[in-house]
Amino acid sequence: MPQINEDGSRIDWYSPISGNVIAWHAGTPAEQAAAVTRLDAVQKEIEALRNTQQNPPGANAPLFAQLLKWVLHYPDPSHVYLVDGKPVITFWGFRPVGLDAGVQPLHALRSACDAPVPVPVGNAPASVIPSASVAAPVPPVAVTPAMSAPWWKRWWMWLLLALSALLLLLCLRACVPGLGGVGIPGLGVPAVDLPRSDVGMPEGVHVPAGGTSMAGSASDRVPMAGQAAPAAEGAAASPAVADPSSASPSSPAGDASASPTGPGTPAQPPGVHPPATDPPSMPATPDAQAQGDPLVLPPRSADGNADFLDGDWRVRAGIQDRNTGEPLRLQYQFEKGKGHVTVNRHNGVRCQAPVSASVAGGSLAIDTSAPAACDDGSTYDMPAIQCKAGERNIAACNGQYGEDQFPLTMRQAQP
C-alpha cells in the first residue's frame, strides 16, 4: 500500500502482511517458484473480475476494467519482495518505458525461475562409457545447513570493538605527551532522584482510512454542499446587534452595543424590525465555473473537414501522473484541424505535443504525431481520440493506447 509523505517528495510502501522481508533476488529458487505460482492465481482472479466489469451500465465500470489490467505491472524485479515467503509488489501499476504492451507482467519473474541448470561439458554420453568404468553409487550424505547466530548474540564482537577503542586511546596517550590521562569510570552509578512531572500531550488529528489531512485552518476550507459558509473574522453576527469585541470596554457605546436591553439603548418603535439578511450564497467550485459546452459533431460534416473544432477544449480521462498518481487534464487548441495539446502537471512542469484532427464517415479522429515534451526533459505519451455522434449529436469519445480503450469527455474551455 503506498503512503505519500507530507511534502509529497517520497512514497513509502507498506505490506499488508508481517514477517521477514527479503528482496526477490535474495530468495531461493523454490521460494521464487512458489511466489510465481501464487501471482499466477492472483492474475486469474483479476482477469475474472475484469470480465464482470465489461458489460455493467455506467461509464466507470469499463474504465475500472481497463485499469485492472495494469495492477500486476511493475518497473523491474527490484520492486518485488518476499514477505514471510509471500510475494509483495511495490510501485505496482507501472511498466518500464519502451516495453512492449503485449509482454506479460510476470515474464521477468518467471524467466528467473525457469533458468536452465548448466550441464558440465566434460561429461561423456552414457552410451560411450564402458560398463567396467561405472563406479558404485555413493550413498547421499546429509548436510546440515549452518545456522548463523543473530547479530545481537555476537557479544564478543562488541567486546572486541570496545577493547580496540581502549587500545587506540592508550596508544595516543603514549605518542602525544601533552594528552591528559584517560579515566575509566567505575561500575557504580549513584542513583539520582528526579522530580516527576506530568506533561500533557496535545491531542492529535485522527484521519480516517482513505482520508487526507490538509494543512490550514477551518477558515481556509471551501464549504461543502449543505454546509453554511463560515463567517468572516470580525464580521457582525446580525446587522441589528454590533460586535461586542469591536468596542473598547471603557467606551459607553461599546457597553450599549454589548447589552441591547441595558440603559442608554433606545427602544425601537412597535412594528419596526431590523432588516433581514439573506444567507451568503455558496461560492461556485472551480469545476462548476470551468464547465463548458460538450463537443457536438455536426450531422453532415464533410470528410476531412474539422473546422468546428476551432478553439480551446478540455479533456477529462482516467490518465494519472506516473510520479504522484494525481489525475491529469489535457487541453487541446485547434485552428483549421491543426493545433497542440498541453498538459500542466502539479509541480508546474508544462508538457506540449502537436495534434491534428480529421473527419471520416461521420467520426472524428484526433491523433498525436509525437509524445508530449516537458520542460524538465521528460515525455508523456498522448492517447489517440476517436469520437462518434451520440444522443443529440453530442460526441461520445474514447481514448486509445494501443489496443486499450477508455472513455473520456471533451468540453469547450471557458475563458
Protein backbone atom coordinates (compact mmCIF):
# COMPACT_ATOMS: atom_id res chain seq x y z
CA MET A 1 0.00 0.00 0.00
CA PRO A 2 1.54 3.36 -1.00
CA GLN A 3 1.82 6.16 1.55
CA ILE A 4 2.93 9.63 0.39
CA ASN A 5 4.75 11.80 2.93
CA GLU A 6 3.55 15.28 3.88
CA ASP A 7 5.51 17.25 1.28
CA GLY A 8 4.91 14.68 -1.50
CA SER A 9 8.62 14.03 -2.11
CA ARG A 10 8.67 10.33 -1.15
CA ILE A 11 6.36 7.31 -1.39
CA ASP A 12 6.66 4.61 1.29
CA TRP A 13 5.22 1.14 0.67
CA TYR A 14 3.63 -0.92 3.45
CA SER A 15 2.95 -4.65 3.25
CA PRO A 16 -0.49 -5.91 4.35
CA ILE A 17 1.22 -8.93 5.96
CA SER A 18 4.00 -9.05 8.55
CA GLY A 19 7.12 -11.20 8.51
CA ASN A 20 10.71 -11.36 7.36
CA VAL A 21 11.27 -9.16 4.27
CA ILE A 22 13.82 -10.18 1.62
CA ALA A 23 14.40 -8.97 -1.93
CA TRP A 24 13.26 -11.09 -4.86
CA HIS A 25 16.81 -11.88 -6.00
CA ALA A 26 17.72 -12.99 -2.44
CA GLY A 27 15.07 -15.71 -2.42
CA THR A 28 15.81 -19.34 -3.21
CA PRO A 29 14.56 -20.89 -6.47
CA ALA A 30 11.93 -22.83 -4.51
CA GLU A 31 10.66 -19.63 -2.86
CA GLN A 32 10.58 -17.80 -6.19
CA ALA A 33 8.69 -20.64 -7.90
CA ALA A 34 6.08 -20.72 -5.11
CA ALA A 35 5.71 -16.93 -5.33
CA VAL A 36 5.20 -17.04 -9.13
CA THR A 37 2.53 -19.73 -8.68
CA ARG A 38 0.73 -17.51 -6.18
CA LEU A 39 0.94 -14.49 -8.52
CA ASP A 40 -0.48 -16.60 -11.38
CA ALA A 41 -3.52 -17.36 -9.22
CA VAL A 42 -3.94 -13.66 -8.39
CA GLN A 43 -3.70 -12.77 -12.10
CA LYS A 44 -6.53 -15.21 -12.91
CA GLU A 45 -8.70 -13.66 -10.21
CA ILE A 46 -8.04 -10.18 -11.63
CA GLU A 47 -8.99 -11.35 -15.16
CA ALA A 48 -12.23 -12.83 -13.79
CA LEU A 49 -13.02 -9.52 -12.08
CA ARG A 50 -12.29 -7.61 -15.31
CA ASN A 51 -14.77 -9.77 -17.23
CA THR A 52 -17.51 -8.91 -14.74
CA GLN A 53 -16.86 -5.16 -15.22
CA GLN A 54 -17.05 -5.09 -19.03
CA ASN A 55 -20.84 -5.03 -19.50
CA PRO A 56 -22.38 -3.30 -16.40
CA PRO A 57 -24.09 0.04 -17.17
CA GLY A 58 -22.29 3.27 -16.42
CA ALA A 59 -19.12 4.94 -17.68
CA ASN A 60 -16.98 3.98 -14.66
CA ALA A 61 -17.19 0.19 -15.00
CA PRO A 62 -15.32 -0.11 -18.36
CA LEU A 63 -12.69 2.36 -17.18
CA PHE A 64 -12.19 0.37 -13.97
CA ALA A 65 -11.84 -2.81 -16.02
CA GLN A 66 -9.10 -1.20 -18.14
CA LEU A 67 -7.21 -0.03 -15.03
CA LEU A 68 -7.35 -3.52 -13.50
CA LYS A 69 -5.21 -4.78 -16.37
CA TRP A 70 -2.16 -2.90 -15.05
CA VAL A 71 -2.39 -3.92 -11.39
CA LEU A 72 0.36 -6.59 -11.58
CA HIS A 73 2.74 -4.49 -13.72
CA TYR A 74 5.94 -3.18 -12.11
CA PRO A 75 9.10 -1.46 -13.44
CA ASP A 76 11.54 -4.36 -12.74
CA PRO A 77 12.04 -7.28 -10.29
CA SER A 78 13.81 -4.98 -7.81
CA HIS A 79 10.32 -3.74 -6.82
CA VAL A 80 9.19 -7.28 -5.84
CA TYR A 81 9.80 -8.62 -2.32
CA LEU A 82 9.12 -11.81 -0.38
CA VAL A 83 7.42 -11.18 2.97
CA ASP A 84 7.25 -14.39 5.00
CA GLY A 85 7.56 -16.29 1.71
CA LYS A 86 4.65 -14.44 0.04
CA PRO A 87 5.18 -12.07 -2.91
CA VAL A 88 4.58 -8.34 -2.36
CA ILE A 89 4.79 -5.92 -5.34
CA THR A 90 5.66 -2.26 -4.79
CA PHE A 91 5.26 0.53 -7.35
CA TRP A 92 2.54 -1.59 -9.00
CA GLY A 93 0.63 -0.19 -11.95
CA PHE A 94 3.76 1.00 -13.80
CA ARG A 95 5.87 -0.58 -16.53
CA PRO A 96 9.30 0.26 -17.97
CA VAL A 97 9.47 2.92 -20.69
CA GLY A 98 9.57 1.37 -24.16
CA LEU A 99 8.41 -2.11 -23.04
CA ASP A 100 6.08 -3.87 -25.47
CA ALA A 101 2.49 -3.71 -24.19
CA GLY A 102 1.96 -7.40 -25.04
CA VAL A 103 4.59 -8.66 -22.59
CA GLN A 104 3.03 -10.40 -19.59
CA PRO A 105 3.71 -8.71 -16.22
CA LEU A 106 5.19 -11.88 -14.64
CA HIS A 107 7.55 -12.56 -17.57
CA ALA A 108 10.66 -11.26 -15.79
CA LEU A 109 9.95 -13.24 -12.60
CA ARG A 110 9.14 -16.43 -14.49
CA SER A 111 12.31 -16.14 -16.61
CA ALA A 112 14.46 -16.08 -13.47
CA CYS A 113 12.75 -19.18 -12.07
CA ASP A 114 12.91 -21.17 -15.33
CA ALA A 115 16.64 -20.54 -15.99
CA PRO A 116 18.22 -23.88 -17.08
CA VAL A 117 20.82 -25.52 -14.85
CA PRO A 118 24.21 -25.65 -16.67
CA VAL A 119 25.47 -29.15 -17.53
CA PRO A 120 29.24 -29.85 -17.31
CA VAL A 121 30.78 -30.10 -20.78
CA GLY A 122 33.31 -32.77 -19.77
CA ASN A 123 30.69 -35.47 -19.08
CA ALA A 124 30.58 -38.04 -21.86
CA PRO A 125 27.33 -39.60 -23.07
CA ALA A 126 26.23 -42.71 -21.21
CA SER A 127 26.39 -44.85 -24.37
CA VAL A 128 30.17 -44.44 -24.82
CA ILE A 129 31.20 -45.10 -21.19
CA PRO A 130 32.40 -48.70 -20.72
CA SER A 131 30.39 -50.74 -18.28
CA ALA A 132 33.53 -51.64 -16.30
CA SER A 133 34.25 -48.00 -15.50
CA VAL A 134 30.88 -47.31 -13.89
CA ALA A 135 31.50 -46.63 -10.21
CA ALA A 136 29.29 -47.91 -7.46
CA PRO A 137 26.66 -45.42 -6.31
CA VAL A 138 27.68 -43.39 -3.32
CA PRO A 139 25.02 -43.01 -0.65
CA PRO A 140 23.96 -39.40 -0.16
CA VAL A 141 25.44 -37.60 2.78
CA ALA A 142 23.07 -35.48 4.82
CA VAL A 143 24.35 -31.93 5.01
CA THR A 144 23.15 -29.84 7.90
CA PRO A 145 22.97 -26.17 6.93
CA ALA A 146 24.94 -23.89 9.18
CA MET A 147 22.64 -21.53 11.05
CA SER A 148 24.15 -18.12 11.61
CA ALA A 149 23.55 -16.61 15.03
CA PRO A 150 21.61 -13.34 15.22
CA TRP A 151 23.64 -10.16 15.39
CA TRP A 152 22.63 -9.45 18.97
CA LYS A 153 24.10 -12.77 20.12
CA ARG A 154 27.57 -11.91 18.84
CA TRP A 155 28.51 -10.09 22.06
CA TRP A 156 32.15 -10.88 21.65
CA MET A 157 32.33 -8.64 18.56
CA TRP A 158 31.15 -5.67 20.62
CA LEU A 159 33.66 -6.54 23.34
CA LEU A 160 36.45 -6.68 20.75
CA LEU A 161 35.38 -3.30 19.40
CA ALA A 162 35.48 -1.75 22.90
CA LEU A 163 38.94 -3.20 23.59
CA SER A 164 40.21 -1.86 20.27
CA ALA A 165 38.96 1.62 21.12
CA LEU A 166 40.66 1.44 24.55
CA LEU A 167 43.93 0.30 22.96
CA LEU A 168 43.75 3.19 20.49
CA LEU A 169 43.37 5.71 23.32
CA LEU A 170 46.36 4.24 25.18
CA CYS A 171 48.49 4.45 22.02
CA LEU A 172 47.52 8.08 21.53
CA ARG A 173 48.50 8.85 25.11
CA ALA A 174 51.93 7.26 24.60
CA CYS A 175 52.52 9.07 21.30
CA VAL A 176 51.35 12.53 22.45
CA PRO A 177 52.94 13.58 25.79
CA GLY A 178 50.58 16.53 26.24
CA LEU A 179 47.47 14.32 26.17
CA GLY A 180 45.89 14.05 29.60
CA GLY A 181 45.09 10.82 31.32
CA VAL A 182 42.04 8.86 30.31
CA GLY A 183 39.93 7.95 33.28
CA ILE A 184 37.72 4.88 33.19
CA PRO A 185 34.61 5.35 35.32
CA GLY A 186 33.70 2.69 37.81
CA LEU A 187 30.72 0.43 37.57
CA GLY A 188 28.88 2.03 40.47
CA VAL A 189 26.49 4.76 39.35
CA PRO A 190 24.82 6.85 42.06
CA ALA A 191 21.07 6.94 41.87
CA VAL A 192 19.60 10.33 41.03
CA ASP A 193 16.12 11.12 42.29
CA LEU A 194 14.46 13.36 39.73
CA PRO A 195 11.16 15.14 40.42
CA ARG A 196 8.26 13.72 38.49
CA SER A 197 6.19 15.95 36.30
CA ASP A 198 3.16 15.05 34.28
CA VAL A 199 3.35 16.50 30.80
CA GLY A 200 0.07 16.56 28.93
CA MET A 201 0.40 15.60 25.33
CA PRO A 202 -1.79 17.52 22.85
CA GLU A 203 -4.46 15.56 21.14
CA GLY A 204 -3.69 14.65 17.56
CA VAL A 205 -5.88 14.78 14.50
CA HIS A 206 -7.40 11.43 13.61
CA VAL A 207 -7.56 10.85 9.87
CA PRO A 208 -9.90 8.01 8.83
CA ALA A 209 -8.68 5.36 6.41
CA GLY A 210 -8.51 6.70 2.89
CA GLY A 211 -8.74 10.33 4.05
CA THR A 212 -6.31 13.18 3.57
CA SER A 213 -5.30 15.67 6.24
CA MET A 214 -4.73 19.07 4.63
CA ALA A 215 -2.78 21.81 6.43
CA GLY A 216 -4.66 25.04 7.17
CA SER A 217 -7.28 26.47 9.47
CA ALA A 218 -11.00 25.94 9.31
CA SER A 219 -11.50 29.36 7.77
CA ASP A 220 -9.36 28.37 4.75
CA ARG A 221 -11.56 25.44 3.77
CA VAL A 222 -14.09 25.65 0.95
CA PRO A 223 -17.61 24.91 2.32
CA MET A 224 -19.20 21.73 1.03
CA ALA A 225 -22.75 21.46 -0.32
CA GLY A 226 -25.30 21.52 2.52
CA GLN A 227 -22.98 23.38 4.95
CA ALA A 228 -23.11 27.04 5.90
CA ALA A 229 -20.18 29.15 4.79
CA PRO A 230 -18.03 30.25 7.80
CA ALA A 231 -18.50 33.87 8.80
CA ALA A 232 -15.63 36.23 8.09
CA GLU A 233 -13.40 37.07 11.04
CA GLY A 234 -14.56 40.24 12.79
CA ALA A 235 -17.94 40.35 10.96
CA ALA A 236 -21.11 41.08 12.93
CA ALA A 237 -23.48 38.21 13.66
CA SER A 238 -26.54 40.36 12.85
CA PRO A 239 -26.89 43.86 11.36
CA ALA A 240 -29.14 44.84 14.29
CA VAL A 241 -26.55 43.99 17.03
CA ALA A 242 -22.94 45.24 16.90
CA ASP A 243 -19.97 43.02 17.71
CA PRO A 244 -19.04 43.45 21.41
CA SER A 245 -15.36 42.89 20.65
CA SER A 246 -15.25 45.89 18.30
CA ALA A 247 -15.78 48.46 21.12
CA SER A 248 -13.46 49.40 23.97
CA PRO A 249 -14.53 48.24 27.48
CA SER A 250 -14.34 51.87 28.70
CA SER A 251 -16.45 53.22 25.83
CA PRO A 252 -20.16 53.86 26.56
CA ALA A 253 -21.03 53.00 23.01
CA GLY A 254 -19.37 49.64 23.47
CA ASP A 255 -21.43 48.90 26.59
CA ALA A 256 -24.61 49.93 24.86
CA SER A 257 -23.96 47.70 21.87
CA ALA A 258 -22.93 44.79 24.05
CA SER A 259 -26.19 44.90 26.02
CA PRO A 260 -29.14 45.86 23.78
CA THR A 261 -31.58 45.94 26.75
CA GLY A 262 -29.36 47.96 29.12
CA PRO A 263 -29.58 51.63 29.91
CA GLY A 264 -28.85 54.06 27.14
CA THR A 265 -30.33 51.82 24.43
CA PRO A 266 -33.24 53.49 22.63
CA ALA A 267 -36.32 51.32 22.37
CA GLN A 268 -37.45 50.53 18.87
CA PRO A 269 -40.95 51.59 17.85
CA PRO A 270 -43.58 48.84 17.72
CA GLY A 271 -43.80 47.11 14.39
CA VAL A 272 -40.28 48.11 13.33
CA HIS A 273 -37.91 45.18 12.88
CA PRO A 274 -34.30 45.09 11.73
CA PRO A 275 -33.89 44.31 8.03
CA ALA A 276 -33.49 40.63 7.28
CA THR A 277 -30.38 39.46 5.50
CA ASP A 278 -30.16 36.63 3.03
CA PRO A 279 -27.70 33.83 3.84
CA PRO A 280 -24.44 34.13 1.89
CA SER A 281 -24.54 32.34 -1.42
CA MET A 282 -22.38 29.29 -1.88
CA PRO A 283 -19.26 30.03 -3.95
CA ALA A 284 -19.08 28.17 -7.19
CA THR A 285 -16.44 25.48 -7.27
CA PRO A 286 -13.65 25.71 -9.88
CA ASP A 287 -15.06 22.64 -11.65
CA ALA A 288 -18.50 24.27 -11.98
CA GLN A 289 -17.02 27.51 -13.27
CA ALA A 290 -14.83 25.71 -15.79
CA GLN A 291 -17.69 23.52 -17.09
CA GLY A 292 -18.23 24.34 -20.75
CA ASP A 293 -20.48 23.07 -23.52
CA PRO A 294 -19.84 19.48 -24.63
CA LEU A 295 -18.43 18.73 -28.06
CA VAL A 296 -21.19 18.35 -30.68
CA LEU A 297 -20.46 16.70 -34.04
CA PRO A 298 -22.20 18.35 -37.00
CA PRO A 299 -24.68 15.89 -38.54
CA ARG A 300 -23.47 16.49 -42.11
CA SER A 301 -19.78 17.23 -41.75
CA ALA A 302 -17.64 16.71 -44.85
CA ASP A 303 -14.84 14.17 -44.67
CA GLY A 304 -11.50 15.68 -43.77
CA ASN A 305 -13.01 18.96 -42.53
CA ALA A 306 -12.68 19.56 -38.76
CA ASP A 307 -13.11 23.35 -38.64
CA PHE A 308 -15.85 23.00 -36.00
CA LEU A 309 -13.04 22.15 -33.53
CA ASP A 310 -11.53 25.65 -33.73
CA GLY A 311 -10.94 26.92 -30.19
CA ASP A 312 -9.91 25.51 -26.82
CA TRP A 313 -11.15 22.17 -25.47
CA ARG A 314 -10.62 20.44 -22.15
CA VAL A 315 -10.46 16.65 -21.97
CA ARG A 316 -11.10 14.58 -18.87
CA ALA A 317 -9.97 10.97 -18.82
CA GLY A 318 -8.55 8.38 -16.47
CA ILE A 319 -4.93 9.47 -17.09
CA GLN A 320 -2.78 9.88 -13.98
CA ASP A 321 0.63 11.37 -13.23
CA ARG A 322 3.07 8.45 -13.08
CA ASN A 323 5.00 10.11 -10.22
CA THR A 324 2.19 11.26 -7.88
CA GLY A 325 -0.94 9.41 -9.10
CA GLU A 326 -2.85 12.69 -9.45
CA PRO A 327 -5.26 12.95 -12.41
CA LEU A 328 -4.04 14.87 -15.45
CA ARG A 329 -6.22 17.19 -17.53
CA LEU A 330 -5.48 17.69 -21.19
CA GLN A 331 -6.21 20.96 -23.00
CA TYR A 332 -6.42 20.99 -26.82
CA GLN A 333 -6.21 24.08 -29.05
CA PHE A 334 -7.25 23.78 -32.72
CA GLU A 335 -7.29 26.04 -35.74
CA LYS A 336 -8.41 24.56 -39.08
CA GLY A 337 -7.78 20.98 -37.95
CA LYS A 338 -4.26 21.62 -36.60
CA GLY A 339 -3.12 22.52 -33.11
CA HIS A 340 -1.42 21.25 -29.98
CA VAL A 341 -2.24 19.56 -26.67
CA THR A 342 -0.97 20.92 -23.33
CA VAL A 343 -0.53 19.05 -20.02
CA ASN A 344 0.06 21.10 -16.85
CA ARG A 345 1.48 18.95 -14.04
CA HIS A 346 1.11 19.64 -10.31
CA ASN A 347 4.74 20.78 -9.88
CA GLY A 348 4.45 23.49 -12.54
CA VAL A 349 6.06 21.47 -15.35
CA ARG A 350 4.35 22.06 -18.70
CA CYS A 351 4.23 19.45 -21.50
CA GLN A 352 3.11 20.03 -25.11
CA ALA A 353 2.72 17.98 -28.31
CA PRO A 354 1.38 18.70 -31.83
CA VAL A 355 -2.02 17.21 -32.79
CA SER A 356 -4.21 17.01 -35.88
CA ALA A 357 -7.93 16.30 -36.34
CA SER A 358 -9.89 14.85 -39.26
CA VAL A 359 -13.41 13.59 -40.02
CA ALA A 360 -14.09 10.32 -41.84
CA GLY A 361 -17.51 8.69 -42.17
CA GLY A 362 -19.06 10.97 -39.56
CA SER A 363 -16.41 10.05 -36.95
CA LEU A 364 -13.81 12.44 -35.55
CA ALA A 365 -10.18 11.31 -35.11
CA ILE A 366 -7.56 13.27 -33.11
CA ASP A 367 -4.01 11.97 -33.50
CA THR A 368 -0.69 12.94 -31.91
CA SER A 369 2.40 12.64 -34.07
CA ALA A 370 4.92 12.61 -31.17
CA PRO A 371 4.99 12.28 -27.36
CA ALA A 372 4.46 15.46 -25.35
CA ALA A 373 7.80 17.09 -24.47
CA CYS A 374 8.02 18.56 -20.94
CA ASP A 375 10.06 21.46 -19.59
CA ASP A 376 12.10 19.14 -17.34
CA GLY A 377 13.15 16.89 -20.23
CA SER A 378 10.63 14.09 -19.62
CA THR A 379 7.98 12.94 -22.10
CA TYR A 380 4.36 11.79 -21.94
CA ASP A 381 2.59 9.53 -24.43
CA MET A 382 -0.66 11.17 -25.56
CA PRO A 383 -3.70 9.00 -26.39
CA ALA A 384 -5.38 8.84 -29.77
CA ILE A 385 -9.02 10.02 -29.57
CA GLN A 386 -11.99 8.66 -31.56
CA CYS A 387 -15.41 10.37 -31.32
CA LYS A 388 -18.82 9.41 -32.73
CA ALA A 389 -22.12 11.26 -32.64
CA GLY A 390 -24.31 10.11 -29.76
CA GLU A 391 -27.59 11.37 -28.34
CA ARG A 392 -28.43 14.88 -29.66
CA ASN A 393 -25.18 14.66 -31.70
CA ILE A 394 -23.09 15.02 -28.50
CA ALA A 395 -19.72 13.38 -29.13
CA ALA A 396 -19.10 10.03 -27.42
CA CYS A 397 -15.30 9.84 -27.27
CA ASN A 398 -12.80 7.13 -26.34
CA GLY A 399 -9.07 7.41 -25.72
CA GLN A 400 -6.79 4.69 -27.02
CA TYR A 401 -3.29 3.47 -26.05
CA GLY A 402 -2.51 0.66 -28.46
CA GLU A 403 -5.34 -1.88 -28.02
CA ASP A 404 -6.57 -0.43 -24.71
CA GLN A 405 -9.54 1.98 -24.79
CA PHE A 406 -11.11 4.15 -22.09
CA PRO A 407 -13.97 6.71 -22.15
CA LEU A 408 -13.33 10.45 -21.96
CA THR A 409 -15.24 13.73 -22.30
CA MET A 410 -14.46 16.88 -24.31
CA ARG A 411 -15.90 20.24 -23.29
CA GLN A 412 -15.24 23.74 -24.55
CA ALA A 413 -12.83 25.63 -22.27
CA GLN A 414 -14.20 28.71 -20.56
CA PRO A 415 -12.13 31.94 -20.70
